[in-house]
Amino acid sequence: MNGFFGGLLRRLALPTVFALLGPLRFLGLAAPAQAQDNATQTRYPIVLVHGLFGFDSLFGVDYWYGIPSALQRSGARVFVAQVSAANSTEVRGEQLLAQVKNIMAITGAAKVNLVGHSHGGPTIRYVAGVAPQLVASVTSVAGPNKGSRVADILRGTVPAGSLSETVLNGAVNAFVALINLGSGGSGLPQMPVAALDSLTAAGSADFTRRFPQAVPTGCGDGAEVVGGVRYYSWTGKQPVTNLLDPSDASLGLLSLSFGETNDGLVAVCSSRLGKHLGDYRQNHLDEVNQLLGVRDWLAPDPVALYRQHATRLKQIGL
């Protein structure tokens, strides 16, 4: 979701937000950044995985705004994956698995550290579930591990097989085509309805029945280590964070549908996976340093959170 379904509604209502947001883009191999220190020099490469309606770079604007370069400057090897902007968790997961294998072949690394935002969270869980031997750690940032109320509401208004579903599917495919045009992801299959079903509570529960690793039963921590893979998560808890950010209005409106603490698209409890590292004054876009770095001035710097986490992984030998 970096979307997510509210991301769909937000972008349809606020076309300019598409700027927030191919093939795998290799950051730091062809033209590595000069390391200032080695604080984030993890043993295994870091792979960043976008959410619904996401991309690596769209018309020159990075999805992970300022985050890869900050990690690189402190010694990390960073890769930004591009999977289908709108498709099921399993399809996206298989695409990511192929990219992980390519990264390992290029770098000689035995494993990778996976970091996924929004729908990227379940996507990286899939890879860790089917190929745990390739994964050192999984970090879910605002992942809808138990689904999203927004997805449930949207699915309720567009029943399967209905005319409204056909219309929605066509509109979303047109929007995804624009994303692909600007990001180089045109070769990837898109199935918006499959993405929607994956992100409902029922779809997420079915996925967790098959891939239960580190998902807590309640709203606490899950297991930190499962099958040799370490699991972490963090999330935002404040839908409206800066009046200068045009996305805050739609996120604030969507947040009213939850009835519990959320970031505008994902409930705090749904985001829990493995060892939970914190709930921050961030909304769903602030978590990846969007819109272009505009955020709550009292909240932690999103870029600093990723640096701190890479340092954490380094310190435990990952």
C-alpha atoms as a PDB file:
ATOM      1  CA  MET A   1       0.000   0.000   0.000  1.00  0.00           C
ATOM      2  CA  ASN A   2       2.049   2.996  -0.526  1.00  0.00           C
ATOM      3  CA  GLY A   3      -0.141   3.136  -1.013  1.00  0.00           C
ATOM      4  CA  PHE A   4      -2.898   0.715  -0.509  1.00  0.00           C
ATOM      5  CA  PHE A   5      -6.533   0.956  -1.467  1.00  0.00           C
ATOM      6  CA  GLY A   6      -6.882   4.237   0.198  1.00  0.00           C
ATOM      7  CA  GLY A   7      -3.807   4.923  -1.852  1.00  0.00           C
ATOM      8  CA  LEU A   8      -6.023   4.295  -4.861  1.00  0.00           C
ATOM      9  CA  LEU A   9      -8.717   6.606  -3.553  1.00  0.00           C
ATOM     10  CA  ARG A  10      -6.157   9.192  -2.538  1.00  0.00           C
ATOM     11  CA  ARG A  11      -4.472   9.229  -5.899  1.00  0.00           C
ATOM     12  CA  LEU A  12      -7.708   9.312  -7.836  1.00  0.00           C
ATOM     13  CA  ALA A  13      -8.822  12.274  -5.740  1.00  0.00           C
ATOM     14  CA  LEU A  14      -5.407  13.951  -5.608  1.00  0.00           C
ATOM     15  CA  PRO A  15      -3.596  13.271  -8.879  1.00  0.00           C
ATOM     16  CA  THR A  16      -0.543  15.223  -7.822  1.00  0.00           C
ATOM     17  CA  VAL A  17       0.225  12.652  -5.146  1.00  0.00           C
ATOM     18  CA  PHE A  18       1.386  10.182  -7.818  1.00  0.00           C
ATOM     19  CA  ALA A  19       4.720  11.965  -7.584  1.00  0.00           C
ATOM     20  CA  LEU A  20       5.165  10.401  -4.181  1.00  0.00           C
ATOM     21  CA  LEU A  21       5.603   7.414  -5.238  1.00  0.00           C
ATOM     22  CA  GLY A  22      11.157  -2.307 -14.378  1.00  0.00           C
ATOM     23  CA  PRO A  23      13.252  -4.067 -13.459  1.00  0.00           C
ATOM     24  CA  LEU A  24      15.297  -4.206 -10.348  1.00  0.00           C
ATOM     25  CA  ARG A  25      17.298  -1.023  -9.860  1.00  0.00           C
ATOM     26  CA  PHE A  26      20.759  -1.669  -8.466  1.00  0.00           C
ATOM     27  CA  LEU A  27      21.773   1.107  -6.113  1.00  0.00           C
ATOM     28  CA  GLY A  28      25.426   1.162  -5.243  1.00  0.00           C
ATOM     29  CA  LEU A  29      26.844  -1.302  -7.724  1.00  0.00           C
ATOM     30  CA  ALA A  30      27.284   0.652 -10.936  1.00  0.00           C
ATOM     31  CA  ALA A  31      28.026   3.902  -9.104  1.00  0.00           C
ATOM     32  CA  PRO A  32      28.505   3.273  -5.384  1.00  0.00           C
ATOM     33  CA  ALA A  33      28.149   6.200  -3.041  1.00  0.00           C
ATOM     34  CA  GLN A  34      31.224   7.147  -1.074  1.00  0.00           C
ATOM     35  CA  ALA A  35      30.754   5.778   2.429  1.00  0.00           C
ATOM     36  CA  GLN A  36      31.069   8.366   5.195  1.00  0.00           C
ATOM     37  CA  ASP A  37      31.288   5.671   7.877  1.00  0.00           C
ATOM     38  CA  ASN A  38      30.352   2.025   8.192  1.00  0.00           C
ATOM     39  CA  ALA A  39      27.418   2.321  10.603  1.00  0.00           C
ATOM     40  CA  THR A  40      24.976   0.684   8.193  1.00  0.00           C
ATOM     41  CA  GLN A  41      27.398  -1.742   6.566  1.00  0.00           C
ATOM     42  CA  THR A  42      25.345  -4.883   7.088  1.00  0.00           C
ATOM     43  CA  ARG A  43      26.754  -8.295   6.330  1.00  0.00           C
ATOM     44  CA  TYR A  44      23.968  -8.991   3.833  1.00  0.00           C
ATOM     45  CA  PRO A  45      22.509  -6.612   1.220  1.00  0.00           C
ATOM     46  CA  ILE A  46      19.370  -4.640   2.075  1.00  0.00           C
ATOM     47  CA  VAL A  47      16.462  -5.003  -0.348  1.00  0.00           C
ATOM     48  CA  LEU A  48      13.674  -2.398  -0.199  1.00  0.00           C
ATOM     49  CA  VAL A  49      10.243  -3.525  -1.453  1.00  0.00           C
ATOM     50  CA  HIS A  50       7.427  -1.093  -2.263  1.00  0.00           C
ATOM     51  CA  GLY A  51       3.730  -1.425  -1.565  1.00  0.00           C
ATOM     52  CA  LEU A  52       0.583  -1.211  -3.673  1.00  0.00           C
ATOM     53  CA  PHE A  53       0.862   1.316  -6.506  1.00  0.00           C
ATOM     54  CA  GLY A  54       4.552   1.552  -5.698  1.00  0.00           C
ATOM     55  CA  PHE A  55       7.658   1.687  -7.842  1.00  0.00           C
ATOM     56  CA  ASP A  56      11.400   2.168  -7.567  1.00  0.00           C
ATOM     57  CA  SER A  57      11.581   5.662  -9.063  1.00  0.00           C
ATOM     58  CA  LEU A  58       8.718   7.487 -10.793  1.00  0.00           C
ATOM     59  CA  PHE A  59       9.596  10.330 -13.147  1.00  0.00           C
ATOM     60  CA  GLY A  60      12.785  10.843 -11.144  1.00  0.00           C
ATOM     61  CA  VAL A  61      11.154  10.753  -7.694  1.00  0.00           C
ATOM     62  CA  ASP A  62      12.175   7.813  -5.519  1.00  0.00           C
ATOM     63  CA  TYR A  63       9.515   5.895  -3.597  1.00  0.00           C
ATOM     64  CA  TRP A  64      11.972   5.487  -0.701  1.00  0.00           C
ATOM     65  CA  TYR A  65      12.750   9.195  -0.697  1.00  0.00           C
ATOM     66  CA  GLY A  66      16.331   9.766   0.458  1.00  0.00           C
ATOM     67  CA  ILE A  67      16.545   6.424   2.236  1.00  0.00           C
ATOM     68  CA  PRO A  68      18.754   4.300  -0.076  1.00  0.00           C
ATOM     69  CA  SER A  69      21.375   7.027  -0.450  1.00  0.00           C
ATOM     70  CA  ALA A  70      21.499   7.617   3.305  1.00  0.00           C
ATOM     71  CA  LEU A  71      22.097   3.913   3.919  1.00  0.00           C
ATOM     72  CA  GLN A  72      24.716   3.748   1.189  1.00  0.00           C
ATOM     73  CA  ARG A  73      26.667   6.670   2.603  1.00  0.00           C
ATOM     74  CA  SER A  74      27.229   4.613   5.726  1.00  0.00           C
ATOM     75  CA  GLY A  75      28.356   1.506   3.891  1.00  0.00           C
ATOM     76  CA  ALA A  76      25.191  -0.460   3.095  1.00  0.00           C
ATOM     77  CA  ARG A  77      24.634  -2.309  -0.157  1.00  0.00           C
ATOM     78  CA  VAL A  78      21.077  -1.311  -1.075  1.00  0.00           C
ATOM     79  CA  PHE A  79      18.785  -2.632  -3.779  1.00  0.00           C
ATOM     80  CA  VAL A  80      15.354  -1.282  -4.649  1.00  0.00           C
ATOM     81  CA  ALA A  81      13.040  -3.945  -6.033  1.00  0.00           C
ATOM     82  CA  GLN A  82      10.199  -3.299  -8.445  1.00  0.00           C
ATOM     83  CA  VAL A  83       7.345  -5.771  -8.360  1.00  0.00           C
ATOM     84  CA  SER A  84       3.834  -5.471  -9.797  1.00  0.00           C
ATOM     85  CA  ALA A  85       2.202  -2.238  -8.696  1.00  0.00           C
ATOM     86  CA  ALA A  86      -1.100  -4.070  -8.221  1.00  0.00           C
ATOM     87  CA  ASN A  87      -1.248  -7.838  -7.926  1.00  0.00           C
ATOM     88  CA  SER A  88      -1.636 -10.588  -5.355  1.00  0.00           C
ATOM     89  CA  THR A  89       0.878 -11.072  -2.574  1.00  0.00           C
ATOM     90  CA  GLU A  90       1.920 -14.394  -4.085  1.00  0.00           C
ATOM     91  CA  VAL A  91       2.580 -12.994  -7.571  1.00  0.00           C
ATOM     92  CA  ARG A  92       4.550 -10.096  -6.134  1.00  0.00           C
ATOM     93  CA  GLY A  93       6.407 -12.511  -3.868  1.00  0.00           C
ATOM     94  CA  GLU A  94       7.495 -14.709  -6.761  1.00  0.00           C
ATOM     95  CA  GLN A  95       8.742 -11.649  -8.639  1.00  0.00           C
ATOM     96  CA  LEU A  96      10.714 -10.573  -5.577  1.00  0.00           C
ATOM     97  CA  LEU A  97      12.138 -14.068  -5.087  1.00  0.00           C
ATOM     98  CA  ALA A  98      13.613 -13.975  -8.597  1.00  0.00           C
ATOM     99  CA  GLN A  99      15.178 -10.583  -7.884  1.00  0.00           C
ATOM    100  CA  VAL A 100      16.612 -11.802  -4.588  1.00  0.00           C
ATOM    101  CA  LYS A 101      18.323 -14.651  -6.421  1.00  0.00           C
ATOM    102  CA  ASN A 102      19.751 -12.166  -8.926  1.00  0.00           C
ATOM    103  CA  ILE A 103      21.099  -9.992  -6.122  1.00  0.00           C
ATOM    104  CA  MET A 104      22.758 -12.977  -4.511  1.00  0.00           C
ATOM    105  CA  ALA A 105      24.327 -14.006  -7.801  1.00  0.00           C
ATOM    106  CA  ILE A 106      25.683 -10.506  -8.442  1.00  0.00           C
ATOM    107  CA  THR A 107      26.973  -9.821  -4.936  1.00  0.00           C
ATOM    108  CA  GLY A 108      27.961 -13.310  -3.853  1.00  0.00           C
ATOM    109  CA  ALA A 109      25.909 -12.802  -0.684  1.00  0.00           C
ATOM    110  CA  ALA A 110      24.429 -15.879   0.970  1.00  0.00           C
ATOM    111  CA  LYS A 111      21.302 -14.045   2.148  1.00  0.00           C
ATOM    112  CA  VAL A 112      19.519 -10.689   2.049  1.00  0.00           C
ATOM    113  CA  ASN A 113      17.806  -8.371   4.530  1.00  0.00           C
ATOM    114  CA  LEU A 114      14.285  -7.662   3.257  1.00  0.00           C
ATOM    115  CA  VAL A 115      12.461  -4.432   4.146  1.00  0.00           C
ATOM    116  CA  GLY A 116       8.897  -3.996   2.883  1.00  0.00           C
ATOM    117  CA  HIS A 117       6.524  -1.055   3.186  1.00  0.00           C
ATOM    118  CA  SER A 118       2.762  -1.576   3.213  1.00  0.00           C
ATOM    119  CA  HIS A 119       1.897  -4.411   0.774  1.00  0.00           C
ATOM    120  CA  GLY A 120       5.640  -4.916   0.597  1.00  0.00           C
ATOM    121  CA  GLY A 121       5.357  -6.391   4.107  1.00  0.00           C
ATOM    122  CA  PRO A 122       3.326  -9.470   3.104  1.00  0.00           C
ATOM    123  CA  THR A 123       5.404  -9.647  -0.099  1.00  0.00           C
ATOM    124  CA  ILE A 124       8.646 -10.116   1.826  1.00  0.00           C
ATOM    125  CA  ARG A 125       6.922 -12.516   4.220  1.00  0.00           C
ATOM    126  CA  TYR A 126       6.141 -14.688   1.198  1.00  0.00           C
ATOM    127  CA  VAL A 127       9.804 -14.888   0.188  1.00  0.00           C
ATOM    128  CA  ALA A 128      10.863 -15.701   3.755  1.00  0.00           C
ATOM    129  CA  GLY A 129       8.158 -18.357   3.906  1.00  0.00           C
ATOM    130  CA  VAL A 130       9.064 -20.187   0.696  1.00  0.00           C
ATOM    131  CA  ALA A 131      12.835 -19.646   0.796  1.00  0.00           C
ATOM    132  CA  PRO A 132      13.945 -18.934   4.392  1.00  0.00           C
ATOM    133  CA  GLN A 133      17.486 -20.050   3.570  1.00  0.00           C
ATOM    134  CA  LEU A 134      17.863 -16.924   1.398  1.00  0.00           C
ATOM    135  CA  VAL A 135      16.648 -14.442   4.010  1.00  0.00           C
ATOM    136  CA  ALA A 136      18.553 -13.065   7.003  1.00  0.00           C
ATOM    137  CA  SER A 137      15.822 -10.720   8.221  1.00  0.00           C
ATOM    138  CA  VAL A 138      12.331  -9.477   7.404  1.00  0.00           C
ATOM    139  CA  THR A 139      11.295  -5.946   8.391  1.00  0.00           C
ATOM    140  CA  SER A 140       7.693  -4.916   7.790  1.00  0.00           C
ATOM    141  CA  VAL A 141       6.984  -1.173   7.843  1.00  0.00           C
ATOM    142  CA  ALA A 142       3.233  -0.591   8.225  1.00  0.00           C
ATOM    143  CA  GLY A 143       2.533  -3.949   6.633  1.00  0.00           C
ATOM    144  CA  PRO A 144      -1.167  -4.971   6.594  1.00  0.00           C
ATOM    145  CA  ASN A 145      -0.386  -8.323   8.145  1.00  0.00           C
ATOM    146  CA  LYS A 146      -3.992  -8.707   9.246  1.00  0.00           C
ATOM    147  CA  GLY A 147      -5.480  -6.742   6.380  1.00  0.00           C
ATOM    148  CA  SER A 148      -6.850  -3.215   6.174  1.00  0.00           C
ATOM    149  CA  ARG A 149     -10.259  -1.832   6.976  1.00  0.00           C
ATOM    150  CA  VAL A 150      -9.950   0.301   3.831  1.00  0.00           C
ATOM    151  CA  ALA A 151      -9.628  -2.834   1.684  1.00  0.00           C
ATOM    152  CA  ASP A 152     -12.634  -4.418   3.368  1.00  0.00           C
ATOM    153  CA  ILE A 153     -14.770  -1.332   2.753  1.00  0.00           C
ATOM    154  CA  LEU A 154     -13.695  -1.116  -0.869  1.00  0.00           C
ATOM    155  CA  ARG A 155     -14.360  -4.811  -1.471  1.00  0.00           C
ATOM    156  CA  GLY A 156     -17.770  -4.396   0.126  1.00  0.00           C
ATOM    157  CA  THR A 157     -18.680  -1.664  -2.356  1.00  0.00           C
ATOM    158  CA  VAL A 158     -17.425  -3.617  -5.392  1.00  0.00           C
ATOM    159  CA  PRO A 159     -18.684  -7.210  -5.053  1.00  0.00           C
ATOM    160  CA  ALA A 160     -16.851  -9.915  -6.969  1.00  0.00           C
ATOM    161  CA  GLY A 161     -18.144 -10.266 -10.535  1.00  0.00           C
ATOM    162  CA  SER A 162     -20.100  -7.014 -10.426  1.00  0.00           C
ATOM    163  CA  LEU A 163     -20.106  -4.225 -12.990  1.00  0.00           C
ATOM    164  CA  SER A 164     -18.572  -1.925 -10.398  1.00  0.00           C
ATOM    165  CA  GLU A 165     -15.657  -4.332 -10.033  1.00  0.00           C
ATOM    166  CA  THR A 166     -15.089  -4.247 -13.790  1.00  0.00           C
ATOM    167  CA  VAL A 167     -15.155  -0.453 -13.802  1.00  0.00           C
ATOM    168  CA  LEU A 168     -12.787  -0.242 -10.834  1.00  0.00           C
ATOM    169  CA  ASN A 169     -10.422  -2.746 -12.395  1.00  0.00           C
ATOM    170  CA  GLY A 170     -10.283  -0.720 -15.618  1.00  0.00           C
ATOM    171  CA  ALA A 171      -9.690   2.562 -13.784  1.00  0.00           C
ATOM    172  CA  VAL A 172      -6.925   1.104 -11.661  1.00  0.00           C
ATOM    173  CA  ASN A 173      -5.257  -0.518 -14.665  1.00  0.00           C
ATOM    174  CA  ALA A 174      -5.175   2.884 -16.363  1.00  0.00           C
ATOM    175  CA  PHE A 175      -3.591   4.408 -13.269  1.00  0.00           C
ATOM    176  CA  VAL A 176      -1.038   1.587 -13.053  1.00  0.00           C
ATOM    177  CA  ALA A 177      -0.183   2.145 -16.725  1.00  0.00           C
ATOM    178  CA  LEU A 178       0.806   5.694 -15.815  1.00  0.00           C
ATOM    179  CA  ILE A 179       3.005   4.404 -13.004  1.00  0.00           C
ATOM    180  CA  ASN A 180       4.609   1.907 -15.376  1.00  0.00           C
ATOM    181  CA  LEU A 181       5.241   4.614 -17.941  1.00  0.00           C
ATOM    182  CA  GLY A 182       7.227   6.623 -15.451  1.00  0.00           C
ATOM    183  CA  SER A 183       8.959   3.801 -13.631  1.00  0.00           C
ATOM    184  CA  GLY A 184       9.875   1.207 -16.242  1.00  0.00           C
ATOM    185  CA  GLY A 185       7.646  -1.511 -14.809  1.00  0.00           C
ATOM    186  CA  SER A 186       5.534  -2.057 -17.933  1.00  0.00           C
ATOM    187  CA  GLY A 187       6.581  -5.686 -18.307  1.00  0.00           C
ATOM    188  CA  LEU A 188       5.025  -6.705 -14.998  1.00  0.00           C
ATOM    189  CA  PRO A 189       1.511  -8.249 -14.845  1.00  0.00           C
ATOM    190  CA  GLN A 190      -1.138  -6.202 -13.067  1.00  0.00           C
ATOM    191  CA  MET A 191      -4.311  -7.573 -11.419  1.00  0.00           C
ATOM    192  CA  PRO A 192      -5.868  -4.896  -9.194  1.00  0.00           C
ATOM    193  CA  VAL A 193      -8.686  -7.124  -7.958  1.00  0.00           C
ATOM    194  CA  ALA A 194      -6.162  -9.769  -6.874  1.00  0.00           C
ATOM    195  CA  ALA A 195      -4.319  -7.076  -4.902  1.00  0.00           C
ATOM    196  CA  LEU A 196      -7.572  -5.975  -3.294  1.00  0.00           C
ATOM    197  CA  ASP A 197      -8.439  -9.522  -2.247  1.00  0.00           C
ATOM    198  CA  SER A 198      -4.964 -10.074  -0.802  1.00  0.00           C
ATOM    199  CA  LEU A 199      -5.290  -7.025   1.432  1.00  0.00           C
ATOM    200  CA  THR A 200      -8.714  -7.650   2.939  1.00  0.00           C
ATOM    201  CA  ALA A 201      -8.917  -9.174   6.413  1.00  0.00           C
ATOM    202  CA  ALA A 202     -10.086 -12.484   4.910  1.00  0.00           C
ATOM    203  CA  GLY A 203      -7.338 -12.548   2.293  1.00  0.00           C
ATOM    204  CA  SER A 204      -4.695 -11.683   4.859  1.00  0.00           C
ATOM    205  CA  ALA A 205      -5.966 -14.372   7.229  1.00  0.00           C
ATOM    206  CA  ASP A 206      -5.761 -16.959   4.468  1.00  0.00           C
ATOM    207  CA  PHE A 207      -2.210 -15.860   3.669  1.00  0.00           C
ATOM    208  CA  THR A 208      -1.225 -16.086   7.348  1.00  0.00           C
ATOM    209  CA  ARG A 209      -2.638 -19.607   7.584  1.00  0.00           C
ATOM    210  CA  ARG A 210      -0.070 -20.561   4.957  1.00  0.00           C
ATOM    211  CA  PHE A 211       2.705 -18.255   6.166  1.00  0.00           C
ATOM    212  CA  PRO A 212       2.203 -17.764   9.922  1.00  0.00           C
ATOM    213  CA  GLN A 213       5.826 -16.923  10.732  1.00  0.00           C
ATOM    214  CA  ALA A 214       6.143 -14.178  13.390  1.00  0.00           C
ATOM    215  CA  VAL A 215       2.534 -12.931  13.144  1.00  0.00           C
ATOM    216  CA  PRO A 216       1.254 -12.377  16.714  1.00  0.00           C
ATOM    217  CA  THR A 217      -2.169 -13.595  17.765  1.00  0.00           C
ATOM    218  CA  GLY A 218      -2.986 -10.243  19.381  1.00  0.00           C
ATOM    219  CA  CYS A 219      -1.517  -6.778  19.278  1.00  0.00           C
ATOM    220  CA  GLY A 220       1.827  -7.568  20.869  1.00  0.00           C
ATOM    221  CA  ASP A 221       5.093  -8.917  19.554  1.00  0.00           C
ATOM    222  CA  GLY A 222       5.415 -12.012  17.444  1.00  0.00           C
ATOM    223  CA  ALA A 223       8.349 -14.430  17.509  1.00  0.00           C
ATOM    224  CA  GLU A 224      11.582 -12.589  16.772  1.00  0.00           C
ATOM    225  CA  VAL A 225      13.302 -15.576  15.154  1.00  0.00           C
ATOM    226  CA  VAL A 226      11.521 -18.215  13.063  1.00  0.00           C
ATOM    227  CA  GLY A 227      13.347 -20.761  10.957  1.00  0.00           C
ATOM    228  CA  GLY A 228      16.592 -18.839  11.293  1.00  0.00           C
ATOM    229  CA  VAL A 229      15.014 -15.595   9.994  1.00  0.00           C
ATOM    230  CA  ARG A 230      14.707 -12.521  12.238  1.00  0.00           C
ATOM    231  CA  TYR A 231      11.436 -10.592  12.036  1.00  0.00           C
ATOM    232  CA  TYR A 232      10.867  -6.916  12.855  1.00  0.00           C
ATOM    233  CA  SER A 233       8.221  -4.260  12.327  1.00  0.00           C
ATOM    234  CA  TRP A 234       7.382  -0.629  12.959  1.00  0.00           C
ATOM    235  CA  THR A 235       4.578   1.674  11.874  1.00  0.00           C
ATOM    236  CA  GLY A 236       3.052   5.119  11.969  1.00  0.00           C
ATOM    237  CA  LYS A 237       0.105   6.012  14.170  1.00  0.00           C
ATOM    238  CA  GLN A 238      -0.802   9.565  13.123  1.00  0.00           C
ATOM    239  CA  PRO A 239      -2.838  10.008   9.896  1.00  0.00           C
ATOM    240  CA  VAL A 240      -2.503  13.810   9.816  1.00  0.00           C
ATOM    241  CA  THR A 241       1.027  15.030  10.434  1.00  0.00           C
ATOM    242  CA  ASN A 242       1.657  18.215   8.449  1.00  0.00           C
ATOM    243  CA  LEU A 243      -0.872  20.624   6.984  1.00  0.00           C
ATOM    244  CA  LEU A 244       1.567  21.395   4.167  1.00  0.00           C
ATOM    245  CA  ASP A 245       1.284  17.798   2.936  1.00  0.00           C
ATOM    246  CA  PRO A 246      -1.616  17.485   0.433  1.00  0.00           C
ATOM    247  CA  SER A 247      -2.014  13.761   1.160  1.00  0.00           C
ATOM    248  CA  ASP A 248      -2.890  14.321   4.815  1.00  0.00           C
ATOM    249  CA  ALA A 249      -6.503  15.296   4.133  1.00  0.00           C
ATOM    250  CA  SER A 250      -7.380  12.026   2.404  1.00  0.00           C
ATOM    251  CA  LEU A 251      -5.413   9.954   4.917  1.00  0.00           C
ATOM    252  CA  GLY A 252      -7.180  11.707   7.758  1.00  0.00           C
ATOM    253  CA  LEU A 253     -10.554  11.006   6.182  1.00  0.00           C
ATOM    254  CA  LEU A 254      -9.745   7.341   5.560  1.00  0.00           C
ATOM    255  CA  SER A 255      -8.502   6.946   9.128  1.00  0.00           C
ATOM    256  CA  LEU A 256     -12.025   7.559  10.419  1.00  0.00           C
ATOM    257  CA  SER A 257     -13.119   4.157   9.102  1.00  0.00           C
ATOM    258  CA  PHE A 258     -10.889   2.197  11.479  1.00  0.00           C
ATOM    259  CA  GLY A 259     -12.114   2.787  15.016  1.00  0.00           C
ATOM    260  CA  GLU A 260      -8.579   2.105  16.260  1.00  0.00           C
ATOM    261  CA  THR A 261      -5.146   3.689  16.048  1.00  0.00           C
ATOM    262  CA  ASN A 262      -3.862   3.717  12.464  1.00  0.00           C
ATOM    263  CA  ASP A 263      -1.645   5.556   9.983  1.00  0.00           C
ATOM    264  CA  GLY A 264      -4.481   6.374   7.611  1.00  0.00           C
ATOM    265  CA  LEU A 265      -4.382   3.053   5.765  1.00  0.00           C
ATOM    266  CA  VAL A 266      -3.157   0.360   8.168  1.00  0.00           C
ATOM    267  CA  ALA A 267      -4.125  -0.194  11.806  1.00  0.00           C
ATOM    268  CA  VAL A 268      -1.300  -0.292  14.319  1.00  0.00           C
ATOM    269  CA  CYS A 269      -2.291  -3.777  15.495  1.00  0.00           C
ATOM    270  CA  SER A 270      -2.390  -5.090  11.916  1.00  0.00           C
ATOM    271  CA  SER A 271       1.181  -3.899  11.382  1.00  0.00           C
ATOM    272  CA  ARG A 272       2.644  -6.074  14.136  1.00  0.00           C
ATOM    273  CA  LEU A 273       5.191  -8.680  13.012  1.00  0.00           C
ATOM    274  CA  GLY A 274       8.012 -10.241  15.018  1.00  0.00           C
ATOM    275  CA  LYS A 275       9.754  -7.818  17.356  1.00  0.00           C
ATOM    276  CA  HIS A 276       7.891  -4.524  17.105  1.00  0.00           C
ATOM    277  CA  LEU A 277      10.254  -1.556  17.179  1.00  0.00           C
ATOM    278  CA  GLY A 278       7.795   1.280  17.693  1.00  0.00           C
ATOM    279  CA  ASP A 279       4.750   3.322  16.695  1.00  0.00           C
ATOM    280  CA  TYR A 280       5.663   6.787  15.441  1.00  0.00           C
ATOM    281  CA  ARG A 281       3.948  10.089  14.669  1.00  0.00           C
ATOM    282  CA  GLN A 282       3.911   9.248  10.984  1.00  0.00           C
ATOM    283  CA  ASN A 283       1.227   8.543   8.430  1.00  0.00           C
ATOM    284  CA  HIS A 284       1.363   5.939   5.694  1.00  0.00           C
ATOM    285  CA  LEU A 285       3.490   8.088   3.401  1.00  0.00           C
ATOM    286  CA  ASP A 286       5.723   9.570   6.087  1.00  0.00           C
ATOM    287  CA  GLU A 287       6.955   6.030   6.714  1.00  0.00           C
ATOM    288  CA  VAL A 288       8.888   6.163   3.432  1.00  0.00           C
ATOM    289  CA  ASN A 289       9.750   9.865   3.814  1.00  0.00           C
ATOM    290  CA  GLN A 290       6.998  11.073   1.468  1.00  0.00           C
ATOM    291  CA  LEU A 291       5.646  13.552   0.409  1.00  0.00           C
ATOM    292  CA  LEU A 292       9.207  14.539  -0.527  1.00  0.00           C
ATOM    293  CA  GLY A 293      10.314  14.631   3.097  1.00  0.00           C
ATOM    294  CA  VAL A 294       7.397  16.696   4.461  1.00  0.00           C
ATOM    295  CA  ARG A 295       6.474  15.277   7.880  1.00  0.00           C
ATOM    296  CA  ASP A 296       5.551  16.005  11.478  1.00  0.00           C
ATOM    297  CA  TRP A 297       8.321  18.214  12.825  1.00  0.00           C
ATOM    298  CA  LEU A 298       8.061  16.522  16.249  1.00  0.00           C
ATOM    299  CA  ALA A 299       8.344  13.005  14.832  1.00  0.00           C
ATOM    300  CA  PRO A 300      11.562  11.028  14.304  1.00  0.00           C
ATOM    301  CA  ASP A 301      13.203  11.504  10.918  1.00  0.00           C
ATOM    302  CA  PRO A 302      12.033   8.536   8.782  1.00  0.00           C
ATOM    303  CA  VAL A 303      15.482   8.278   7.181  1.00  0.00           C
ATOM    304  CA  ALA A 304      17.082   8.052  10.626  1.00  0.00           C
ATOM    305  CA  LEU A 305      14.801   5.125  11.520  1.00  0.00           C
ATOM    306  CA  TYR A 306      16.084   3.130   8.549  1.00  0.00           C
ATOM    307  CA  ARG A 307      19.679   4.016   9.424  1.00  0.00           C
ATOM    308  CA  GLN A 308      19.131   2.915  13.018  1.00  0.00           C
ATOM    309  CA  HIS A 309      17.622  -0.343  11.878  1.00  0.00           C
ATOM    310  CA  ALA A 310      20.480  -1.085   9.487  1.00  0.00           C
ATOM    311  CA  THR A 311      22.865  -0.438  12.380  1.00  0.00           C
ATOM    312  CA  ARG A 312      20.804  -2.858  14.484  1.00  0.00           C
ATOM    313  CA  LEU A 313      21.111  -5.541  11.808  1.00  0.00           C
ATOM    314  CA  LYS A 314      24.834  -4.952  11.519  1.00  0.00           C
ATOM    315  CA  GLN A 315      25.344  -5.278  15.270  1.00  0.00           C
ATOM    316  CA  ILE A 316      23.728  -8.723  15.335  1.00  0.00           C
ATOM    317  CA  GLY A 317      25.774  -9.908  12.386  1.00  0.00           C
ATOM    318  CA  LEU A 318      23.213  -9.574   9.625  1.00  0.00           C
END
